[in-house]
Amino acid sequence: MNTLYFREQFITAAIDHESDTIKGDSRKTNRAADKLAAIYVELKQDVGKLIEILLELLNYPNESVQKWAAGYLLPYRQEIAEQKLEEIANGDGYGFTTFDALMVLKEWRKGTLKFPPFDS
């Protein structure tokens, strides 16, 4: 498994998701979200590597990358992931990213947040 490849693909997809959301291109936004889910599923085959990459990406210099990493980290490192999502939600970043971080936290705490694969 080429973790560097998946790390770079995750970063690109998270940034694309944010950019396409801002542009209002729902087709491309959904494609980026699907790519992030596929990367998560692939990395989940080695949970140790998945956690390692997600922890590293919590400090990436883009809040969208941080938000996606924190969201996918919730089942494995809940306290750290929630702290990062709260930081983003309470920060002065772009409105969509802060709102999305709030929604991820809300759904996680309600127990309704689902992780891919969605059919299991």
PDB file of N, CA and C in Angstrom:
ATOM      1  N   MET A   1       0.852  -1.184   0.000  1.00  0.00           N
ATOM      2  CA  MET A   1       0.000   0.000   0.000  1.00  0.00           C
ATOM      3  C   MET A   1       0.893   1.240   0.000  1.00  0.00           C
ATOM      4  N   ASN A   2       0.679   2.088  -0.963  1.00  0.00           N
ATOM      5  CA  ASN A   2       1.476   3.303  -1.083  1.00  0.00           C
ATOM      6  C   ASN A   2       0.786   4.426  -0.298  1.00  0.00           C
ATOM      7  N   THR A   3       1.160   4.553   0.977  1.00  0.00           N
ATOM      8  CA  THR A   3       0.490   5.520   1.837  1.00  0.00           C
ATOM      9  C   THR A   3       0.744   6.961   1.409  1.00  0.00           C
ATOM     10  N   LEU A   4       1.902   7.239   0.846  1.00  0.00           N
ATOM     11  CA  LEU A   4       2.184   8.599   0.375  1.00  0.00           C
ATOM     12  C   LEU A   4       1.203   8.975  -0.740  1.00  0.00           C
ATOM     13  N   TYR A   5       0.955   8.038  -1.633  1.00  0.00           N
ATOM     14  CA  TYR A   5      -0.004   8.268  -2.713  1.00  0.00           C
ATOM     15  C   TYR A   5      -1.390   8.588  -2.145  1.00  0.00           C
ATOM     16  N   PHE A   6      -1.862   7.752  -1.209  1.00  0.00           N
ATOM     17  CA  PHE A   6      -3.187   7.964  -0.634  1.00  0.00           C
ATOM     18  C   PHE A   6      -3.254   9.267   0.159  1.00  0.00           C
ATOM     19  N   ARG A   7      -2.174   9.622   0.842  1.00  0.00           N
ATOM     20  CA  ARG A   7      -2.106  10.871   1.589  1.00  0.00           C
ATOM     21  C   ARG A   7      -2.292  12.051   0.631  1.00  0.00           C
ATOM     22  N   GLU A   8      -1.557  12.038  -0.466  1.00  0.00           N
ATOM     23  CA  GLU A   8      -1.644  13.127  -1.444  1.00  0.00           C
ATOM     24  C   GLU A   8      -3.017  13.174  -2.112  1.00  0.00           C
ATOM     25  N   GLN A   9      -3.584  12.022  -2.391  1.00  0.00           N
ATOM     26  CA  GLN A   9      -4.921  11.978  -2.986  1.00  0.00           C
ATOM     27  C   GLN A   9      -5.972  12.514  -2.020  1.00  0.00           C
ATOM     28  N   PHE A  10      -5.820  12.206  -0.737  1.00  0.00           N
ATOM     29  CA  PHE A  10      -6.731  12.700   0.290  1.00  0.00           C
ATOM     30  C   PHE A  10      -6.673  14.222   0.347  1.00  0.00           C
ATOM     31  N   ILE A  11      -5.464  14.764   0.368  1.00  0.00           N
ATOM     32  CA  ILE A  11      -5.275  16.220   0.413  1.00  0.00           C
ATOM     33  C   ILE A  11      -5.932  16.877  -0.794  1.00  0.00           C
ATOM     34  N   THR A  12      -5.656  16.351  -1.973  1.00  0.00           N
ATOM     35  CA  THR A  12      -6.216  16.917  -3.198  1.00  0.00           C
ATOM     36  C   THR A  12      -7.738  16.870  -3.187  1.00  0.00           C
ATOM     37  N   ALA A  13      -8.302  15.738  -2.793  1.00  0.00           N
ATOM     38  CA  ALA A  13      -9.761  15.598  -2.791  1.00  0.00           C
ATOM     39  C   ALA A  13     -10.410  16.528  -1.766  1.00  0.00           C
ATOM     40  N   ALA A  14      -9.792  16.687  -0.595  1.00  0.00           N
ATOM     41  CA  ALA A  14     -10.353  17.580   0.435  1.00  0.00           C
ATOM     42  C   ALA A  14     -10.333  19.034  -0.040  1.00  0.00           C
ATOM     43  N   ILE A  15      -9.246  19.422  -0.674  1.00  0.00           N
ATOM     44  CA  ILE A  15      -9.143  20.794  -1.197  1.00  0.00           C
ATOM     45  C   ILE A  15     -10.118  20.988  -2.362  1.00  0.00           C
ATOM     46  N   ASP A  16     -10.223  19.986  -3.236  1.00  0.00           N
ATOM     47  CA  ASP A  16     -11.184  20.060  -4.342  1.00  0.00           C
ATOM     48  C   ASP A  16     -12.612  20.173  -3.809  1.00  0.00           C
ATOM     49  N   HIS A  17     -12.925  19.413  -2.771  1.00  0.00           N
ATOM     50  CA  HIS A  17     -14.270  19.453  -2.196  1.00  0.00           C
ATOM     51  C   HIS A  17     -14.614  20.864  -1.745  1.00  0.00           C
ATOM     52  N   GLU A  18     -13.692  21.488  -1.038  1.00  0.00           N
ATOM     53  CA  GLU A  18     -13.916  22.859  -0.567  1.00  0.00           C
ATOM     54  C   GLU A  18     -14.065  23.827  -1.744  1.00  0.00           C
ATOM     55  N   SER A  19     -13.154  23.738  -2.686  1.00  0.00           N
ATOM     56  CA  SER A  19     -13.163  24.635  -3.840  1.00  0.00           C
ATOM     57  C   SER A  19     -14.439  24.480  -4.665  1.00  0.00           C
ATOM     58  N   ASP A  20     -14.833  23.240  -4.920  1.00  0.00           N
ATOM     59  CA  ASP A  20     -16.028  22.987  -5.721  1.00  0.00           C
ATOM     60  C   ASP A  20     -17.298  23.384  -4.973  1.00  0.00           C
ATOM     61  N   THR A  21     -17.287  23.263  -3.656  1.00  0.00           N
ATOM     62  CA  THR A  21     -18.425  23.727  -2.856  1.00  0.00           C
ATOM     63  C   THR A  21     -18.573  25.233  -2.988  1.00  0.00           C
ATOM     64  N   ILE A  22     -17.469  25.939  -2.874  1.00  0.00           N
ATOM     65  CA  ILE A  22     -17.482  27.400  -2.999  1.00  0.00           C
ATOM     66  C   ILE A  22     -17.993  27.822  -4.378  1.00  0.00           C
ATOM     67  N   LYS A  23     -17.577  27.079  -5.403  1.00  0.00           N
ATOM     68  CA  LYS A  23     -18.009  27.381  -6.773  1.00  0.00           C
ATOM     69  C   LYS A  23     -19.465  27.002  -7.028  1.00  0.00           C
ATOM     70  N   GLY A  24     -20.035  26.176  -6.139  1.00  0.00           N
ATOM     71  CA  GLY A  24     -21.406  25.727  -6.330  1.00  0.00           C
ATOM     72  C   GLY A  24     -21.542  24.585  -7.321  1.00  0.00           C
ATOM     73  N   ASP A  25     -20.448  23.866  -7.558  1.00  0.00           N
ATOM     74  CA  ASP A  25     -20.465  22.744  -8.502  1.00  0.00           C
ATOM     75  C   ASP A  25     -20.714  21.446  -7.735  1.00  0.00           C
ATOM     76  N   SER A  26     -21.996  21.125  -7.559  1.00  0.00           N
ATOM     77  CA  SER A  26     -22.343  19.968  -6.735  1.00  0.00           C
ATOM     78  C   SER A  26     -21.851  18.645  -7.316  1.00  0.00           C
ATOM     79  N   ARG A  27     -21.796  18.546  -8.619  1.00  0.00           N
ATOM     80  CA  ARG A  27     -21.317  17.305  -9.249  1.00  0.00           C
ATOM     81  C   ARG A  27     -19.862  17.049  -8.858  1.00  0.00           C
ATOM     82  N   LYS A  28     -19.018  18.072  -8.992  1.00  0.00           N
ATOM     83  CA  LYS A  28     -17.610  17.915  -8.638  1.00  0.00           C
ATOM     84  C   LYS A  28     -17.428  17.790  -7.124  1.00  0.00           C
ATOM     85  N   THR A  29     -18.251  18.494  -6.359  1.00  0.00           N
ATOM     86  CA  THR A  29     -18.186  18.380  -4.898  1.00  0.00           C
ATOM     87  C   THR A  29     -18.472  16.950  -4.472  1.00  0.00           C
ATOM     88  N   ASN A  30     -19.523  16.362  -5.036  1.00  0.00           N
ATOM     89  CA  ASN A  30     -19.880  14.983  -4.704  1.00  0.00           C
ATOM     90  C   ASN A  30     -18.799  14.005  -5.153  1.00  0.00           C
ATOM     91  N   ARG A  31     -18.191  14.277  -6.292  1.00  0.00           N
ATOM     92  CA  ARG A  31     -17.113  13.419  -6.786  1.00  0.00           C
ATOM     93  C   ARG A  31     -15.931  13.446  -5.811  1.00  0.00           C
ATOM     94  N   ALA A  32     -15.596  14.625  -5.297  1.00  0.00           N
ATOM     95  CA  ALA A  32     -14.494  14.745  -4.336  1.00  0.00           C
ATOM     96  C   ALA A  32     -14.831  14.009  -3.040  1.00  0.00           C
ATOM     97  N   ALA A  33     -16.075  14.129  -2.578  1.00  0.00           N
ATOM     98  CA  ALA A  33     -16.495  13.420  -1.364  1.00  0.00           C
ATOM     99  C   ALA A  33     -16.431  11.908  -1.571  1.00  0.00           C
ATOM    100  N   ASP A  34     -16.853  11.447  -2.735  1.00  0.00           N
ATOM    101  CA  ASP A  34     -16.770  10.013  -3.049  1.00  0.00           C
ATOM    102  C   ASP A  34     -15.320   9.538  -3.078  1.00  0.00           C
ATOM    103  N   LYS A  35     -14.439  10.366  -3.603  1.00  0.00           N
ATOM    104  CA  LYS A  35     -13.019  10.006  -3.648  1.00  0.00           C
ATOM    105  C   LYS A  35     -12.455   9.907  -2.231  1.00  0.00           C
ATOM    106  N   LEU A  36     -12.823  10.850  -1.363  1.00  0.00           N
ATOM    107  CA  LEU A  36     -12.374  10.794   0.028  1.00  0.00           C
ATOM    108  C   LEU A  36     -12.871   9.517   0.706  1.00  0.00           C
ATOM    109  N   ALA A  37     -14.112   9.144   0.452  1.00  0.00           N
ATOM    110  CA  ALA A  37     -14.668   7.920   1.032  1.00  0.00           C
ATOM    111  C   ALA A  37     -13.919   6.690   0.525  1.00  0.00           C
ATOM    112  N   ALA A  38     -13.607   6.669  -0.763  1.00  0.00           N
ATOM    113  CA  ALA A  38     -12.881   5.531  -1.334  1.00  0.00           C
ATOM    114  C   ALA A  38     -11.468   5.427  -0.748  1.00  0.00           C
ATOM    115  N   ILE A  39     -10.819   6.561  -0.553  1.00  0.00           N
ATOM    116  CA  ILE A  39      -9.488   6.569   0.048  1.00  0.00           C
ATOM    117  C   ILE A  39      -9.568   6.047   1.476  1.00  0.00           C
ATOM    118  N   TYR A  40     -10.568   6.494   2.214  1.00  0.00           N
ATOM    119  CA  TYR A  40     -10.768   6.036   3.584  1.00  0.00           C
ATOM    120  C   TYR A  40     -10.942   4.514   3.625  1.00  0.00           C
ATOM    121  N   VAL A  41     -11.792   3.990   2.754  1.00  0.00           N
ATOM    122  CA  VAL A  41     -12.035   2.546   2.715  1.00  0.00           C
ATOM    123  C   VAL A  41     -10.738   1.796   2.406  1.00  0.00           C
ATOM    124  N   GLU A  42      -9.974   2.289   1.460  1.00  0.00           N
ATOM    125  CA  GLU A  42      -8.711   1.641   1.096  1.00  0.00           C
ATOM    126  C   GLU A  42      -7.731   1.670   2.268  1.00  0.00           C
ATOM    127  N   LEU A  43      -7.579   2.816   2.893  1.00  0.00           N
ATOM    128  CA  LEU A  43      -6.641   2.938   4.012  1.00  0.00           C
ATOM    129  C   LEU A  43      -7.101   2.152   5.234  1.00  0.00           C
ATOM    130  N   LYS A  44      -8.396   1.963   5.365  1.00  0.00           N
ATOM    131  CA  LYS A  44      -8.951   1.243   6.516  1.00  0.00           C
ATOM    132  C   LYS A  44      -8.484  -0.213   6.559  1.00  0.00           C
ATOM    133  N   GLN A  45      -7.949  -0.708   5.446  1.00  0.00           N
ATOM    134  CA  GLN A  45      -7.403  -2.066   5.418  1.00  0.00           C
ATOM    135  C   GLN A  45      -6.208  -2.198   6.365  1.00  0.00           C
ATOM    136  N   ASP A  46      -5.542  -1.080   6.635  1.00  0.00           N
ATOM    137  CA  ASP A  46      -4.446  -1.028   7.606  1.00  0.00           C
ATOM    138  C   ASP A  46      -4.762   0.133   8.548  1.00  0.00           C
ATOM    139  N   VAL A  47      -5.528  -0.155   9.592  1.00  0.00           N
ATOM    140  CA  VAL A  47      -6.033   0.891  10.487  1.00  0.00           C
ATOM    141  C   VAL A  47      -4.893   1.694  11.105  1.00  0.00           C
ATOM    142  N   GLY A  48      -3.785   1.037  11.399  1.00  0.00           N
ATOM    143  CA  GLY A  48      -2.644   1.752  11.957  1.00  0.00           C
ATOM    144  C   GLY A  48      -2.140   2.840  11.024  1.00  0.00           C
ATOM    145  N   LYS A  49      -2.014   2.526   9.742  1.00  0.00           N
ATOM    146  CA  LYS A  49      -1.592   3.519   8.746  1.00  0.00           C
ATOM    147  C   LYS A  49      -2.650   4.598   8.564  1.00  0.00           C
ATOM    148  N   LEU A  50      -3.913   4.184   8.557  1.00  0.00           N
ATOM    149  CA  LEU A  50      -5.011   5.151   8.439  1.00  0.00           C
ATOM    150  C   LEU A  50      -4.909   6.189   9.553  1.00  0.00           C
ATOM    151  N   ILE A  51      -4.779   5.722  10.781  1.00  0.00           N
ATOM    152  CA  ILE A  51      -4.703   6.627  11.929  1.00  0.00           C
ATOM    153  C   ILE A  51      -3.466   7.513  11.830  1.00  0.00           C
ATOM    154  N   GLU A  52      -2.358   6.930  11.445  1.00  0.00           N
ATOM    155  CA  GLU A  52      -1.108   7.693  11.308  1.00  0.00           C
ATOM    156  C   GLU A  52      -1.272   8.848  10.309  1.00  0.00           C
ATOM    157  N   ILE A  53      -1.848   8.559   9.164  1.00  0.00           N
ATOM    158  CA  ILE A  53      -2.043   9.583   8.134  1.00  0.00           C
ATOM    159  C   ILE A  53      -3.037  10.644   8.604  1.00  0.00           C
ATOM    160  N   LEU A  54      -4.150  10.214   9.175  1.00  0.00           N
ATOM    161  CA  LEU A  54      -5.159  11.176   9.617  1.00  0.00           C
ATOM    162  C   LEU A  54      -4.623  12.088  10.721  1.00  0.00           C
ATOM    163  N   LEU A  55      -3.862  11.525  11.653  1.00  0.00           N
ATOM    164  CA  LEU A  55      -3.261  12.348  12.711  1.00  0.00           C
ATOM    165  C   LEU A  55      -2.315  13.388  12.118  1.00  0.00           C
ATOM    166  N   GLU A  56      -1.531  12.962  11.145  1.00  0.00           N
ATOM    167  CA  GLU A  56      -0.608  13.890  10.488  1.00  0.00           C
ATOM    168  C   GLU A  56      -1.362  15.018   9.790  1.00  0.00           C
ATOM    169  N   LEU A  57      -2.469  14.669   9.135  1.00  0.00           N
ATOM    170  CA  LEU A  57      -3.218  15.662   8.363  1.00  0.00           C
ATOM    171  C   LEU A  57      -3.996  16.646   9.232  1.00  0.00           C
ATOM    172  N   LEU A  58      -4.116  16.369  10.512  1.00  0.00           N
ATOM    173  CA  LEU A  58      -4.758  17.327  11.412  1.00  0.00           C
ATOM    174  C   LEU A  58      -3.988  18.639  11.474  1.00  0.00           C
ATOM    175  N   ASN A  59      -2.721  18.589  11.091  1.00  0.00           N
ATOM    176  CA  ASN A  59      -1.873  19.787  11.121  1.00  0.00           C
ATOM    177  C   ASN A  59      -1.572  20.330   9.732  1.00  0.00           C
ATOM    178  N   TYR A  60      -2.233  19.803   8.719  1.00  0.00           N
ATOM    179  CA  TYR A  60      -2.022  20.286   7.367  1.00  0.00           C
ATOM    180  C   TYR A  60      -2.490  21.745   7.270  1.00  0.00           C
ATOM    181  N   PRO A  61      -1.803  22.589   6.502  1.00  0.00           N
ATOM    182  CA  PRO A  61      -2.153  24.016   6.474  1.00  0.00           C
ATOM    183  C   PRO A  61      -3.398  24.371   5.653  1.00  0.00           C
ATOM    184  N   ASN A  62      -4.384  23.513   5.641  1.00  0.00           N
ATOM    185  CA  ASN A  62      -5.659  23.790   4.974  1.00  0.00           C
ATOM    186  C   ASN A  62      -6.758  23.229   5.874  1.00  0.00           C
ATOM    187  N   GLU A  63      -7.709  24.062   6.265  1.00  0.00           N
ATOM    188  CA  GLU A  63      -8.748  23.620   7.200  1.00  0.00           C
ATOM    189  C   GLU A  63      -9.667  22.557   6.629  1.00  0.00           C
ATOM    190  N   SER A  64      -9.871  22.542   5.340  1.00  0.00           N
ATOM    191  CA  SER A  64     -10.710  21.504   4.756  1.00  0.00           C
ATOM    192  C   SER A  64     -10.043  20.135   4.924  1.00  0.00           C
ATOM    193  N   VAL A  65      -8.750  20.073   4.692  1.00  0.00           N
ATOM    194  CA  VAL A  65      -8.002  18.823   4.897  1.00  0.00           C
ATOM    195  C   VAL A  65      -8.087  18.414   6.362  1.00  0.00           C
ATOM    196  N   GLN A  66      -7.873  19.380   7.256  1.00  0.00           N
ATOM    197  CA  GLN A  66      -7.945  19.100   8.690  1.00  0.00           C
ATOM    198  C   GLN A  66      -9.329  18.576   9.077  1.00  0.00           C
ATOM    199  N   LYS A  67     -10.377  19.213   8.539  1.00  0.00           N
ATOM    200  CA  LYS A  67     -11.754  18.828   8.861  1.00  0.00           C
ATOM    201  C   LYS A  67     -12.054  17.404   8.413  1.00  0.00           C
ATOM    202  N   TRP A  68     -11.679  17.080   7.185  1.00  0.00           N
ATOM    203  CA  TRP A  68     -11.926  15.733   6.680  1.00  0.00           C
ATOM    204  C   TRP A  68     -11.129  14.699   7.476  1.00  0.00           C
ATOM    205  N   ALA A  69      -9.886  15.015   7.785  1.00  0.00           N
ATOM    206  CA  ALA A  69      -9.057  14.092   8.570  1.00  0.00           C
ATOM    207  C   ALA A  69      -9.670  13.878   9.951  1.00  0.00           C
ATOM    208  N   ALA A  70     -10.086  14.956  10.590  1.00  0.00           N
ATOM    209  CA  ALA A  70     -10.685  14.850  11.923  1.00  0.00           C
ATOM    210  C   ALA A  70     -11.984  14.047  11.876  1.00  0.00           C
ATOM    211  N   GLY A  71     -12.791  14.282  10.868  1.00  0.00           N
ATOM    212  CA  GLY A  71     -14.043  13.541  10.746  1.00  0.00           C
ATOM    213  C   GLY A  71     -13.814  12.044  10.639  1.00  0.00           C
ATOM    214  N   TYR A  72     -12.888  11.657   9.785  1.00  0.00           N
ATOM    215  CA  TYR A  72     -12.610  10.234   9.611  1.00  0.00           C
ATOM    216  C   TYR A  72     -11.850   9.643  10.788  1.00  0.00           C
ATOM    217  N   LEU A  73     -11.259  10.477  11.612  1.00  0.00           N
ATOM    218  CA  LEU A  73     -10.516  10.017  12.782  1.00  0.00           C
ATOM    219  C   LEU A  73     -11.429   9.776  13.991  1.00  0.00           C
ATOM    220  N   LEU A  74     -12.642  10.301  13.960  1.00  0.00           N
ATOM    221  CA  LEU A  74     -13.552  10.204  15.105  1.00  0.00           C
ATOM    222  C   LEU A  74     -13.690   8.793  15.699  1.00  0.00           C
ATOM    223  N   PRO A  75     -13.855   7.738  14.896  1.00  0.00           N
ATOM    224  CA  PRO A  75     -14.030   6.412  15.500  1.00  0.00           C
ATOM    225  C   PRO A  75     -12.761   5.853  16.168  1.00  0.00           C
ATOM    226  N   TYR A  76     -11.628   6.449  15.876  1.00  0.00           N
ATOM    227  CA  TYR A  76     -10.354   5.891  16.334  1.00  0.00           C
ATOM    228  C   TYR A  76      -9.686   6.724  17.429  1.00  0.00           C
ATOM    229  N   ARG A  77      -9.809   8.032  17.330  1.00  0.00           N
ATOM    230  CA  ARG A  77      -9.197   8.958  18.298  1.00  0.00           C
ATOM    231  C   ARG A  77     -10.199  10.087  18.557  1.00  0.00           C
ATOM    232  N   GLN A  78     -11.311   9.702  19.176  1.00  0.00           N
ATOM    233  CA  GLN A  78     -12.447  10.612  19.331  1.00  0.00           C
ATOM    234  C   GLN A  78     -12.060  11.939  19.978  1.00  0.00           C
ATOM    235  N   GLU A  79     -11.342  11.896  21.069  1.00  0.00           N
ATOM    236  CA  GLU A  79     -11.035  13.135  21.792  1.00  0.00           C
ATOM    237  C   GLU A  79     -10.223  14.105  20.938  1.00  0.00           C
ATOM    238  N   ILE A  80      -9.196  13.596  20.279  1.00  0.00           N
ATOM    239  CA  ILE A  80      -8.345  14.431  19.427  1.00  0.00           C
ATOM    240  C   ILE A  80      -9.155  14.969  18.244  1.00  0.00           C
ATOM    241  N   ALA A  81      -9.965  14.108  17.637  1.00  0.00           N
ATOM    242  CA  ALA A  81     -10.761  14.508  16.479  1.00  0.00           C
ATOM    243  C   ALA A  81     -11.802  15.562  16.852  1.00  0.00           C
ATOM    244  N   GLU A  82     -12.490  15.358  17.959  1.00  0.00           N
ATOM    245  CA  GLU A  82     -13.475  16.342  18.394  1.00  0.00           C
ATOM    246  C   GLU A  82     -12.815  17.683  18.704  1.00  0.00           C
ATOM    247  N   GLN A  83     -11.664  17.635  19.337  1.00  0.00           N
ATOM    248  CA  GLN A  83     -10.945  18.872  19.655  1.00  0.00           C
ATOM    249  C   GLN A  83     -10.609  19.648  18.390  1.00  0.00           C
ATOM    250  N   LYS A  84     -10.137  18.945  17.354  1.00  0.00           N
ATOM    251  CA  LYS A  84      -9.799  19.614  16.092  1.00  0.00           C
ATOM    252  C   LYS A  84     -11.050  20.177  15.429  1.00  0.00           C
ATOM    253  N   LEU A  85     -12.123  19.402  15.409  1.00  0.00           N
ATOM    254  CA  LEU A  85     -13.367  19.886  14.798  1.00  0.00           C
ATOM    255  C   LEU A  85     -13.915  21.100  15.548  1.00  0.00           C
ATOM    256  N   GLU A  86     -13.830  21.096  16.866  1.00  0.00           N
ATOM    257  CA  GLU A  86     -14.273  22.250  17.648  1.00  0.00           C
ATOM    258  C   GLU A  86     -13.397  23.470  17.357  1.00  0.00           C
ATOM    259  N   GLU A  87     -12.110  23.244  17.214  1.00  0.00           N
ATOM    260  CA  GLU A  87     -11.185  24.337  16.876  1.00  0.00           C
ATOM    261  C   GLU A  87     -11.564  24.966  15.533  1.00  0.00           C
ATOM    262  N   ILE A  88     -11.846  24.124  14.549  1.00  0.00           N
ATOM    263  CA  ILE A  88     -12.236  24.621  13.228  1.00  0.00           C
ATOM    264  C   ILE A  88     -13.590  25.330  13.316  1.00  0.00           C
ATOM    265  N   ALA A  89     -14.535  24.711  14.012  1.00  0.00           N
ATOM    266  CA  ALA A  89     -15.879  25.273  14.120  1.00  0.00           C
ATOM    267  C   ALA A  89     -15.882  26.632  14.823  1.00  0.00           C
ATOM    268  N   ASN A  90     -14.981  26.809  15.761  1.00  0.00           N
ATOM    269  CA  ASN A  90     -14.932  28.057  16.534  1.00  0.00           C
ATOM    270  C   ASN A  90     -13.918  29.054  15.990  1.00  0.00           C
ATOM    271  N   GLY A  91     -13.252  28.684  14.910  1.00  0.00           N
ATOM    272  CA  GLY A  91     -12.226  29.548  14.347  1.00  0.00           C
ATOM    273  C   GLY A  91     -12.799  30.619  13.446  1.00  0.00           C
ATOM    274  N   ASP A  92     -11.900  31.314  12.800  1.00  0.00           N
ATOM    275  CA  ASP A  92     -12.318  32.400  11.917  1.00  0.00           C
ATOM    276  C   ASP A  92     -12.089  32.050  10.454  1.00  0.00           C
ATOM    277  N   GLY A  93     -12.125  30.748  10.154  1.00  0.00           N
ATOM    278  CA  GLY A  93     -11.921  30.299   8.779  1.00  0.00           C
ATOM    279  C   GLY A  93     -13.135  30.546   7.914  1.00  0.00           C
ATOM    280  N   TYR A  94     -13.111  29.980   6.724  1.00  0.00           N
ATOM    281  CA  TYR A  94     -14.188  30.121   5.753  1.00  0.00           C
ATOM    282  C   TYR A  94     -15.490  29.550   6.318  1.00  0.00           C
ATOM    283  N   GLY A  95     -16.589  30.192   6.074  1.00  0.00           N
ATOM    284  CA  GLY A  95     -17.890  29.834   6.616  1.00  0.00           C
ATOM    285  C   GLY A  95     -18.314  28.404   6.387  1.00  0.00           C
ATOM    286  N   PHE A  96     -18.140  27.880   5.166  1.00  0.00           N
ATOM    287  CA  PHE A  96     -18.552  26.512   4.879  1.00  0.00           C
ATOM    288  C   PHE A  96     -17.782  25.520   5.744  1.00  0.00           C
ATOM    289  N   THR A  97     -16.487  25.698   5.850  1.00  0.00           N
ATOM    290  CA  THR A  97     -15.661  24.756   6.595  1.00  0.00           C
ATOM    291  C   THR A  97     -16.026  24.778   8.075  1.00  0.00           C
ATOM    292  N   THR A  98     -16.239  25.958   8.635  1.00  0.00           N
ATOM    293  CA  THR A  98     -16.613  26.037  10.044  1.00  0.00           C
ATOM    294  C   THR A  98     -17.995  25.422  10.273  1.00  0.00           C
ATOM    295  N   PHE A  99     -18.930  25.702   9.377  1.00  0.00           N
ATOM    296  CA  PHE A  99     -20.269  25.135   9.487  1.00  0.00           C
ATOM    297  C   PHE A  99     -20.224  23.613   9.343  1.00  0.00           C
ATOM    298  N   ASP A 100     -19.456  23.120   8.394  1.00  0.00           N
ATOM    299  CA  ASP A 100     -19.353  21.686   8.169  1.00  0.00           C
ATOM    300  C   ASP A 100     -18.751  20.991   9.390  1.00  0.00           C
ATOM    301  N   ALA A 101     -17.745  21.596  10.004  1.00  0.00           N
ATOM    302  CA  ALA A 101     -17.151  21.021  11.214  1.00  0.00           C
ATOM    303  C   ALA A 101     -18.205  20.925  12.321  1.00  0.00           C
ATOM    304  N   LEU A 102     -19.033  21.951  12.451  1.00  0.00           N
ATOM    305  CA  LEU A 102     -20.120  21.928  13.439  1.00  0.00           C
ATOM    306  C   LEU A 102     -21.093  20.789  13.161  1.00  0.00           C
ATOM    307  N   MET A 103     -21.445  20.608  11.887  1.00  0.00           N
ATOM    308  CA  MET A 103     -22.402  19.564  11.522  1.00  0.00           C
ATOM    309  C   MET A 103     -21.822  18.165  11.748  1.00  0.00           C
ATOM    310  N   VAL A 104     -20.546  17.992  11.443  1.00  0.00           N
ATOM    311  CA  VAL A 104     -19.906  16.691  11.681  1.00  0.00           C
ATOM    312  C   VAL A 104     -19.955  16.376  13.175  1.00  0.00           C
ATOM    313  N   LEU A 105     -19.596  17.344  14.015  1.00  0.00           N
ATOM    314  CA  LEU A 105     -19.658  17.143  15.466  1.00  0.00           C
ATOM    315  C   LEU A 105     -21.075  16.829  15.927  1.00  0.00           C
ATOM    316  N   LYS A 106     -22.040  17.584  15.428  1.00  0.00           N
ATOM    317  CA  LYS A 106     -23.439  17.387  15.824  1.00  0.00           C
ATOM    318  C   LYS A 106     -23.910  15.975  15.483  1.00  0.00           C
ATOM    319  N   GLU A 107     -23.655  15.549  14.248  1.00  0.00           N
ATOM    320  CA  GLU A 107     -24.098  14.215  13.818  1.00  0.00           C
ATOM    321  C   GLU A 107     -23.340  13.108  14.547  1.00  0.00           C
ATOM    322  N   TRP A 108     -22.064  13.306  14.818  1.00  0.00           N
ATOM    323  CA  TRP A 108     -21.275  12.327  15.564  1.00  0.00           C
ATOM    324  C   TRP A 108     -21.860  12.153  16.971  1.00  0.00           C
ATOM    325  N   ARG A 109     -22.133  13.268  17.611  1.00  0.00           N
ATOM    326  CA  ARG A 109     -22.628  13.231  18.992  1.00  0.00           C
ATOM    327  C   ARG A 109     -24.045  12.688  19.075  1.00  0.00           C
ATOM    328  N   LYS A 110     -24.831  12.840  18.007  1.00  0.00           N
ATOM    329  CA  LYS A 110     -26.181  12.251  17.954  1.00  0.00           C
ATOM    330  C   LYS A 110     -26.111  10.764  17.622  1.00  0.00           C
ATOM    331  N   GLY A 111     -24.978  10.312  17.126  1.00  0.00           N
ATOM    332  CA  GLY A 111     -24.834   8.910  16.745  1.00  0.00           C
ATOM    333  C   GLY A 111     -25.341   8.598  15.353  1.00  0.00           C
ATOM    334  N   THR A 112     -25.502   9.628  14.521  1.00  0.00           N
ATOM    335  CA  THR A 112     -26.033   9.416  13.172  1.00  0.00           C
ATOM    336  C   THR A 112     -24.984   9.513  12.078  1.00  0.00           C
ATOM    337  N   LEU A 113     -23.751   9.853  12.434  1.00  0.00           N
ATOM    338  CA  LEU A 113     -22.699   9.962  11.418  1.00  0.00           C
ATOM    339  C   LEU A 113     -22.299   8.566  10.971  1.00  0.00           C
ATOM    340  N   LYS A 114     -22.291   8.355   9.685  1.00  0.00           N
ATOM    341  CA  LYS A 114     -21.942   7.042   9.113  1.00  0.00           C
ATOM    342  C   LYS A 114     -20.635   7.144   8.345  1.00  0.00           C
ATOM    343  N   PHE A 115     -19.897   6.048   8.377  1.00  0.00           N
ATOM    344  CA  PHE A 115     -18.604   5.991   7.699  1.00  0.00           C
ATOM    345  C   PHE A 115     -18.643   4.917   6.618  1.00  0.00           C
ATOM    346  N   PRO A 116     -17.914   5.168   5.510  1.00  0.00           N
ATOM    347  CA  PRO A 116     -17.908   4.175   4.445  1.00  0.00           C
ATOM    348  C   PRO A 116     -17.188   2.900   4.890  1.00  0.00           C
ATOM    349  N   PRO A 117     -17.558   1.748   4.336  1.00  0.00           N
ATOM    350  CA  PRO A 117     -18.603   1.587   3.321  1.00  0.00           C
ATOM    351  C   PRO A 117     -19.983   1.730   3.952  1.00  0.00           C
ATOM    352  N   PHE A 118     -20.853   2.430   3.268  1.00  0.00           N
ATOM    353  CA  PHE A 118     -22.147   2.784   3.826  1.00  0.00           C
ATOM    354  C   PHE A 118     -23.132   1.627   3.863  1.00  0.00           C
ATOM    355  N   ASP A 119     -22.824   0.559   3.170  1.00  0.00           N
ATOM    356  CA  ASP A 119     -23.747  -0.582   3.136  1.00  0.00           C
ATOM    357  C   ASP A 119     -23.504  -1.559   4.273  1.00  0.00           C
ATOM    358  N   SER A 120     -22.559  -1.255   5.171  1.00  0.00           N
ATOM    359  CA  SER A 120     -22.304  -2.216   6.253  1.00  0.00           C
ATOM    360  C   SER A 120     -22.798  -1.701   7.581  1.00  0.00           C
TER     361      SER A 120
END
